[in-house]
Amino acid sequence: MLGLIGKKVGMTSIFDDKGRQQNCTVIELGPCTVVQVKKNETDGYNAIQLGFGSKKEKNTTKALAGHFKKAGADVKQILKEFRVDELPEVGAVLNVDLFKEGELVDVVGNSKGRGFQGVVKRHGFNGVGSRTHGQHDRERAPGSVGSSSYPSRVLKGLRMAGQHGDTRVTTKNIQVVKVMPESNLILVRGSVPGATNSFVQVLKTSK
């Protein structure tokens, strides 16, 4: 599935031809350099490895620096692999004009980390009882978590408090509202996962 690596700039709103307001996310998309090409004959599948962003060579490992030097590219901040049918040459640069206004795309990113959260925020629990029925400070408690004499343990997979957020999230079928090749920006309808300045992947939807 062909796509590009980008950075979430933030959110804004624009007006369409009919005067309706549309909430959009601004993504700085590309330019992405083809660092490696994987072929079906040698690797078992067709894919390309794209690099995005700039990074000082002194802040990367020698192995990665040699990897970029072999491709004839500058040191990149992030690398991602994309499955493709047509293989470009190593060193080719892919830009935001890969996408067109009106088409649907999938956006992949890491959701915001929320830290350690209780069951109400993490799983949408309603709490235990109410304050009028003798429940003292129990509105946000998880309630009973264990069985009785059998099996006398807490079963695996029980929804409890814990780390919430900072997971890979894919938002599917988002419409491309506007493409601005001169500034490497793309506007997509609605929100996408991740915080401001976080890396995202914009993928062409599978037909």
C-alpha atoms as a PDB file:
ATOM      1  CA  MET A   1       0.000   0.000   0.000  1.00  0.00           C
ATOM      2  CA  LEU A   2       1.801   3.109  -1.258  1.00  0.00           C
ATOM      3  CA  GLY A   3       2.013   6.120   1.030  1.00  0.00           C
ATOM      4  CA  LEU A   4       4.216   8.835   2.475  1.00  0.00           C
ATOM      5  CA  ILE A   5       5.622   9.800   5.853  1.00  0.00           C
ATOM      6  CA  GLY A   6       4.630  13.158   7.296  1.00  0.00           C
ATOM      7  CA  LYS A   7       4.373  15.277  10.398  1.00  0.00           C
ATOM      8  CA  LYS A   8       1.141  16.467  12.003  1.00  0.00           C
ATOM      9  CA  VAL A   9       1.236  20.268  12.032  1.00  0.00           C
ATOM     10  CA  GLY A  10      -2.095  20.951  13.726  1.00  0.00           C
ATOM     11  CA  MET A  11      -5.769  21.577  12.980  1.00  0.00           C
ATOM     12  CA  THR A  12      -7.587  24.344  11.164  1.00  0.00           C
ATOM     13  CA  SER A  13     -10.868  24.948   9.358  1.00  0.00           C
ATOM     14  CA  ILE A  14     -11.673  25.996   5.808  1.00  0.00           C
ATOM     15  CA  PHE A  15     -14.833  26.725   3.847  1.00  0.00           C
ATOM     16  CA  ASP A  16     -15.861  24.692   0.819  1.00  0.00           C
ATOM     17  CA  ASP A  17     -17.519  25.940  -2.375  1.00  0.00           C
ATOM     18  CA  LYS A  18     -20.945  25.870  -0.714  1.00  0.00           C
ATOM     19  CA  GLY A  19     -19.815  27.942   2.258  1.00  0.00           C
ATOM     20  CA  ARG A  20     -19.777  25.050   4.717  1.00  0.00           C
ATOM     21  CA  GLN A  21     -17.078  24.987   7.368  1.00  0.00           C
ATOM     22  CA  GLN A  22     -14.829  21.924   7.379  1.00  0.00           C
ATOM     23  CA  ASN A  23     -12.518  20.977  10.238  1.00  0.00           C
ATOM     24  CA  CYS A  24      -9.214  19.764   8.826  1.00  0.00           C
ATOM     25  CA  THR A  25      -5.863  18.459   9.979  1.00  0.00           C
ATOM     26  CA  VAL A  26      -2.744  19.955   8.395  1.00  0.00           C
ATOM     27  CA  ILE A  27      -0.011  17.422   7.639  1.00  0.00           C
ATOM     28  CA  GLU A  28       3.458  18.224   6.327  1.00  0.00           C
ATOM     29  CA  LEU A  29       3.845  15.338   3.888  1.00  0.00           C
ATOM     30  CA  GLY A  30       7.189  14.607   2.294  1.00  0.00           C
ATOM     31  CA  PRO A  31       9.426  14.938   0.495  1.00  0.00           C
ATOM     32  CA  CYS A  32      10.321  11.307   1.162  1.00  0.00           C
ATOM     33  CA  THR A  33      13.429   9.672  -0.265  1.00  0.00           C
ATOM     34  CA  VAL A  34      13.517   6.040  -1.385  1.00  0.00           C
ATOM     35  CA  VAL A  35      16.338   4.600   0.745  1.00  0.00           C
ATOM     36  CA  GLN A  36      15.902   0.903  -0.070  1.00  0.00           C
ATOM     37  CA  VAL A  37      14.005  -1.227  -2.571  1.00  0.00           C
ATOM     38  CA  LYS A  38      12.951  -4.789  -1.721  1.00  0.00           C
ATOM     39  CA  LYS A  39      12.109  -7.115  -4.591  1.00  0.00           C
ATOM     40  CA  ASN A  40      10.100 -10.292  -4.698  1.00  0.00           C
ATOM     41  CA  GLU A  41      13.025 -12.228  -6.178  1.00  0.00           C
ATOM     42  CA  THR A  42      15.406 -11.439  -3.319  1.00  0.00           C
ATOM     43  CA  ASP A  43      13.202 -10.580  -0.322  1.00  0.00           C
ATOM     44  CA  GLY A  44       9.978 -12.436  -1.062  1.00  0.00           C
ATOM     45  CA  TYR A  45       7.851  -9.302  -1.483  1.00  0.00           C
ATOM     46  CA  ASN A  46       7.898  -5.910  -3.167  1.00  0.00           C
ATOM     47  CA  ALA A  47       8.357  -2.906  -0.906  1.00  0.00           C
ATOM     48  CA  ILE A  48      10.175   0.389  -0.591  1.00  0.00           C
ATOM     49  CA  GLN A  49      11.748   1.987   2.443  1.00  0.00           C
ATOM     50  CA  LEU A  50      11.154   5.722   2.703  1.00  0.00           C
ATOM     51  CA  GLY A  51      13.047   8.251   4.782  1.00  0.00           C
ATOM     52  CA  PHE A  52      11.641  11.536   6.056  1.00  0.00           C
ATOM     53  CA  GLY A  53      13.020  14.494   7.988  1.00  0.00           C
ATOM     54  CA  SER A  54      16.595  15.588   8.536  1.00  0.00           C
ATOM     55  CA  LYS A  55      18.989  14.511  11.249  1.00  0.00           C
ATOM     56  CA  LYS A  56      22.623  15.178  12.095  1.00  0.00           C
ATOM     57  CA  GLU A  57      24.944  12.381  11.069  1.00  0.00           C
ATOM     58  CA  LYS A  58      26.737  12.517  14.422  1.00  0.00           C
ATOM     59  CA  ASN A  59      23.462  11.595  16.132  1.00  0.00           C
ATOM     60  CA  THR A  60      22.944   8.368  14.189  1.00  0.00           C
ATOM     61  CA  THR A  61      24.684   5.009  14.285  1.00  0.00           C
ATOM     62  CA  LYS A  62      27.417   4.137  11.817  1.00  0.00           C
ATOM     63  CA  ALA A  63      25.314   1.288  10.458  1.00  0.00           C
ATOM     64  CA  LEU A  64      22.437   3.617   9.607  1.00  0.00           C
ATOM     65  CA  ALA A  65      24.797   6.275   8.272  1.00  0.00           C
ATOM     66  CA  GLY A  66      26.250   3.682   5.896  1.00  0.00           C
ATOM     67  CA  HIS A  67      22.723   2.641   4.923  1.00  0.00           C
ATOM     68  CA  PHE A  68      21.897   6.216   3.879  1.00  0.00           C
ATOM     69  CA  LYS A  69      25.259   6.693   2.161  1.00  0.00           C
ATOM     70  CA  LYS A  70      24.663   3.577   0.057  1.00  0.00           C
ATOM     71  CA  ALA A  71      21.375   5.056  -1.127  1.00  0.00           C
ATOM     72  CA  GLY A  72      23.015   8.416  -1.848  1.00  0.00           C
ATOM     73  CA  ALA A  73      20.667  10.177   0.559  1.00  0.00           C
ATOM     74  CA  ASP A  74      21.108  12.437   3.551  1.00  0.00           C
ATOM     75  CA  VAL A  75      20.601  11.067   7.040  1.00  0.00           C
ATOM     76  CA  LYS A  76      16.866  10.853   7.713  1.00  0.00           C
ATOM     77  CA  GLN A  77      15.014  11.158  10.995  1.00  0.00           C
ATOM     78  CA  ILE A  78      12.553   8.309  10.453  1.00  0.00           C
ATOM     79  CA  LEU A  79      12.290   5.251   8.191  1.00  0.00           C
ATOM     80  CA  LYS A  80       9.129   3.382   7.209  1.00  0.00           C
ATOM     81  CA  GLU A  81       8.416   0.531   4.802  1.00  0.00           C
ATOM     82  CA  PHE A  82       5.542   0.486   2.316  1.00  0.00           C
ATOM     83  CA  ARG A  83       4.309  -2.433   0.224  1.00  0.00           C
ATOM     84  CA  VAL A  84       4.045  -1.427  -3.450  1.00  0.00           C
ATOM     85  CA  ASP A  85       3.430  -2.984  -6.855  1.00  0.00           C
ATOM     86  CA  GLU A  86       5.637  -0.675  -8.907  1.00  0.00           C
ATOM     87  CA  LEU A  87       9.208  -0.236  -7.654  1.00  0.00           C
ATOM     88  CA  PRO A  88      10.920   3.146  -8.100  1.00  0.00           C
ATOM     89  CA  GLU A  89      14.685   3.593  -8.179  1.00  0.00           C
ATOM     90  CA  VAL A  90      16.743   4.050  -5.021  1.00  0.00           C
ATOM     91  CA  GLY A  91      17.228   7.753  -4.389  1.00  0.00           C
ATOM     92  CA  ALA A  92      13.925   8.775  -5.967  1.00  0.00           C
ATOM     93  CA  VAL A  93      11.993  11.495  -4.155  1.00  0.00           C
ATOM     94  CA  LEU A  94       8.227  11.180  -3.597  1.00  0.00           C
ATOM     95  CA  ASN A  95       6.237  14.329  -2.889  1.00  0.00           C
ATOM     96  CA  VAL A  96       2.776  15.280  -1.688  1.00  0.00           C
ATOM     97  CA  ASP A  97       1.508  15.448  -5.280  1.00  0.00           C
ATOM     98  CA  LEU A  98       1.178  11.665  -5.000  1.00  0.00           C
ATOM     99  CA  PHE A  99      -2.297  12.405  -3.574  1.00  0.00           C
ATOM    100  CA  LYS A 100      -5.206  14.208  -5.192  1.00  0.00           C
ATOM    101  CA  GLU A 101      -7.966  16.324  -3.724  1.00  0.00           C
ATOM    102  CA  GLY A 102     -11.126  14.368  -3.039  1.00  0.00           C
ATOM    103  CA  GLU A 103      -9.568  10.898  -2.702  1.00  0.00           C
ATOM    104  CA  LEU A 104      -9.743   8.803   0.464  1.00  0.00           C
ATOM    105  CA  VAL A 105      -6.666   7.925   2.506  1.00  0.00           C
ATOM    106  CA  ASP A 106      -5.761   6.052   5.694  1.00  0.00           C
ATOM    107  CA  VAL A 107      -3.741   7.867   8.356  1.00  0.00           C
ATOM    108  CA  VAL A 108      -1.598   5.876  10.809  1.00  0.00           C
ATOM    109  CA  GLY A 109      -0.082   7.377  13.945  1.00  0.00           C
ATOM    110  CA  ASN A 110       0.510   6.914  17.654  1.00  0.00           C
ATOM    111  CA  SER A 111      -2.273   8.205  19.875  1.00  0.00           C
ATOM    112  CA  LYS A 112      -1.528  10.660  22.674  1.00  0.00           C
ATOM    113  CA  GLY A 113      -0.237   9.039  25.842  1.00  0.00           C
ATOM    114  CA  ARG A 114      -2.623   9.521  28.778  1.00  0.00           C
ATOM    115  CA  GLY A 115      -0.515   7.948  31.494  1.00  0.00           C
ATOM    116  CA  PHE A 116      -1.927   5.674  34.201  1.00  0.00           C
ATOM    117  CA  GLN A 117      -5.724   6.017  34.135  1.00  0.00           C
ATOM    118  CA  GLY A 118      -8.621   4.494  36.021  1.00  0.00           C
ATOM    119  CA  VAL A 119     -11.344   2.277  34.596  1.00  0.00           C
ATOM    120  CA  VAL A 120     -13.803   5.128  33.981  1.00  0.00           C
ATOM    121  CA  LYS A 121     -11.513   6.989  31.577  1.00  0.00           C
ATOM    122  CA  ARG A 122      -9.741   3.922  30.202  1.00  0.00           C
ATOM    123  CA  HIS A 123     -12.736   1.632  29.600  1.00  0.00           C
ATOM    124  CA  GLY A 124     -15.801   3.819  30.103  1.00  0.00           C
ATOM    125  CA  PHE A 125     -17.009   2.246  33.349  1.00  0.00           C
ATOM    126  CA  ASN A 126     -19.888   3.934  35.176  1.00  0.00           C
ATOM    127  CA  GLY A 127     -18.554   3.450  38.687  1.00  0.00           C
ATOM    128  CA  VAL A 128     -20.059   1.516  41.583  1.00  0.00           C
ATOM    129  CA  GLY A 129     -23.511   2.509  42.796  1.00  0.00           C
ATOM    130  CA  SER A 130     -24.095   6.088  43.878  1.00  0.00           C
ATOM    131  CA  ARG A 131     -23.337   8.240  46.869  1.00  0.00           C
ATOM    132  CA  THR A 132     -26.940   8.038  48.144  1.00  0.00           C
ATOM    133  CA  HIS A 133     -26.724   4.276  48.721  1.00  0.00           C
ATOM    134  CA  GLY A 134     -23.888   4.209  51.197  1.00  0.00           C
ATOM    135  CA  GLN A 135     -21.080   4.152  48.640  1.00  0.00           C
ATOM    136  CA  HIS A 136     -18.378   6.367  50.059  1.00  0.00           C
ATOM    137  CA  ASP A 137     -16.004   7.696  47.368  1.00  0.00           C
ATOM    138  CA  ARG A 138     -16.746   4.710  45.128  1.00  0.00           C
ATOM    139  CA  GLU A 139     -18.149   6.449  42.057  1.00  0.00           C
ATOM    140  CA  ARG A 140     -15.058   5.697  39.954  1.00  0.00           C
ATOM    141  CA  ALA A 141     -14.105   2.335  41.459  1.00  0.00           C
ATOM    142  CA  PRO A 142     -13.844  -0.792  39.269  1.00  0.00           C
ATOM    143  CA  GLY A 143     -15.946  -2.993  41.555  1.00  0.00           C
ATOM    144  CA  SER A 144     -15.339  -6.697  42.134  1.00  0.00           C
ATOM    145  CA  VAL A 145     -12.378  -8.096  40.198  1.00  0.00           C
ATOM    146  CA  GLY A 146     -11.928 -11.666  41.500  1.00  0.00           C
ATOM    147  CA  SER A 147     -13.915 -14.874  41.677  1.00  0.00           C
ATOM    148  CA  SER A 148     -14.908 -16.652  44.870  1.00  0.00           C
ATOM    149  CA  SER A 149     -13.492 -20.005  46.019  1.00  0.00           C
ATOM    150  CA  TYR A 150     -13.197 -21.111  42.399  1.00  0.00           C
ATOM    151  CA  PRO A 151     -10.990 -20.286  40.606  1.00  0.00           C
ATOM    152  CA  SER A 152      -9.763 -18.001  43.454  1.00  0.00           C
ATOM    153  CA  ARG A 153      -7.832 -15.727  41.156  1.00  0.00           C
ATOM    154  CA  VAL A 154      -8.251 -12.747  38.865  1.00  0.00           C
ATOM    155  CA  LEU A 155      -8.817 -13.939  35.308  1.00  0.00           C
ATOM    156  CA  LYS A 156      -6.509 -12.712  32.563  1.00  0.00           C
ATOM    157  CA  GLY A 157      -7.752  -9.947  30.333  1.00  0.00           C
ATOM    158  CA  LEU A 158      -9.917  -8.301  32.971  1.00  0.00           C
ATOM    159  CA  ARG A 159     -10.384  -4.609  32.271  1.00  0.00           C
ATOM    160  CA  MET A 160      -8.639  -2.677  35.018  1.00  0.00           C
ATOM    161  CA  ALA A 161      -6.741   0.555  35.549  1.00  0.00           C
ATOM    162  CA  GLY A 162      -3.454   0.950  33.716  1.00  0.00           C
ATOM    163  CA  GLN A 163      -1.476   2.680  30.991  1.00  0.00           C
ATOM    164  CA  HIS A 164      -3.773   4.384  28.514  1.00  0.00           C
ATOM    165  CA  GLY A 165      -2.934   5.760  25.064  1.00  0.00           C
ATOM    166  CA  ASP A 166       0.356   5.839  23.111  1.00  0.00           C
ATOM    167  CA  THR A 167      -0.755   3.024  20.826  1.00  0.00           C
ATOM    168  CA  ARG A 168      -0.756   2.640  17.062  1.00  0.00           C
ATOM    169  CA  VAL A 169      -4.063   3.883  15.652  1.00  0.00           C
ATOM    170  CA  THR A 170      -5.299   3.829  12.050  1.00  0.00           C
ATOM    171  CA  THR A 171      -8.035   6.213  10.934  1.00  0.00           C
ATOM    172  CA  LYS A 172      -9.544   4.904   7.710  1.00  0.00           C
ATOM    173  CA  ASN A 173     -11.144   6.591   4.712  1.00  0.00           C
ATOM    174  CA  ILE A 174     -10.365  10.238   5.435  1.00  0.00           C
ATOM    175  CA  GLN A 175     -10.997  12.613   2.554  1.00  0.00           C
ATOM    176  CA  VAL A 176      -8.188  14.750   1.189  1.00  0.00           C
ATOM    177  CA  VAL A 177      -9.573  18.296   1.221  1.00  0.00           C
ATOM    178  CA  LYS A 178      -6.634  20.230  -0.212  1.00  0.00           C
ATOM    179  CA  VAL A 179      -3.118  19.547  -1.525  1.00  0.00           C
ATOM    180  CA  MET A 180      -0.458  22.279  -1.495  1.00  0.00           C
ATOM    181  CA  PRO A 181       2.639  20.999  -3.347  1.00  0.00           C
ATOM    182  CA  GLU A 182       4.483  24.317  -3.063  1.00  0.00           C
ATOM    183  CA  SER A 183       4.679  23.950   0.736  1.00  0.00           C
ATOM    184  CA  ASN A 184       4.483  20.120   1.018  1.00  0.00           C
ATOM    185  CA  LEU A 185       1.219  20.356   2.952  1.00  0.00           C
ATOM    186  CA  ILE A 186      -1.955  18.328   2.771  1.00  0.00           C
ATOM    187  CA  LEU A 187      -5.292  18.970   4.463  1.00  0.00           C
ATOM    188  CA  VAL A 188      -7.472  16.020   5.429  1.00  0.00           C
ATOM    189  CA  ARG A 189     -10.994  16.142   6.807  1.00  0.00           C
ATOM    190  CA  GLY A 190     -11.385  15.667  10.567  1.00  0.00           C
ATOM    191  CA  SER A 191      -8.796  14.634  13.128  1.00  0.00           C
ATOM    192  CA  VAL A 192      -5.955  12.135  12.928  1.00  0.00           C
ATOM    193  CA  PRO A 193      -4.162  10.249  15.727  1.00  0.00           C
ATOM    194  CA  GLY A 194      -1.140  11.761  17.414  1.00  0.00           C
ATOM    195  CA  ALA A 195      -0.003  14.969  19.028  1.00  0.00           C
ATOM    196  CA  THR A 196       1.263  18.052  17.225  1.00  0.00           C
ATOM    197  CA  ASN A 197       4.660  17.457  15.526  1.00  0.00           C
ATOM    198  CA  SER A 198       4.242  13.685  15.771  1.00  0.00           C
ATOM    199  CA  PHE A 199       5.014  11.483  12.768  1.00  0.00           C
ATOM    200  CA  VAL A 200       2.172   9.953  10.781  1.00  0.00           C
ATOM    201  CA  GLN A 201       1.823   7.790   7.688  1.00  0.00           C
ATOM    202  CA  VAL A 202      -0.672   8.672   4.979  1.00  0.00           C
ATOM    203  CA  LEU A 203      -1.604   5.636   2.901  1.00  0.00           C
ATOM    204  CA  LYS A 204      -3.595   5.260  -0.283  1.00  0.00           C
ATOM    205  CA  THR A 205      -6.683   3.209   0.457  1.00  0.00           C
ATOM    206  CA  SER A 206      -6.781  -0.315  -0.954  1.00  0.00           C
ATOM    207  CA  LYS A 207      -9.297  -0.704  -3.759  1.00  0.00           C
END
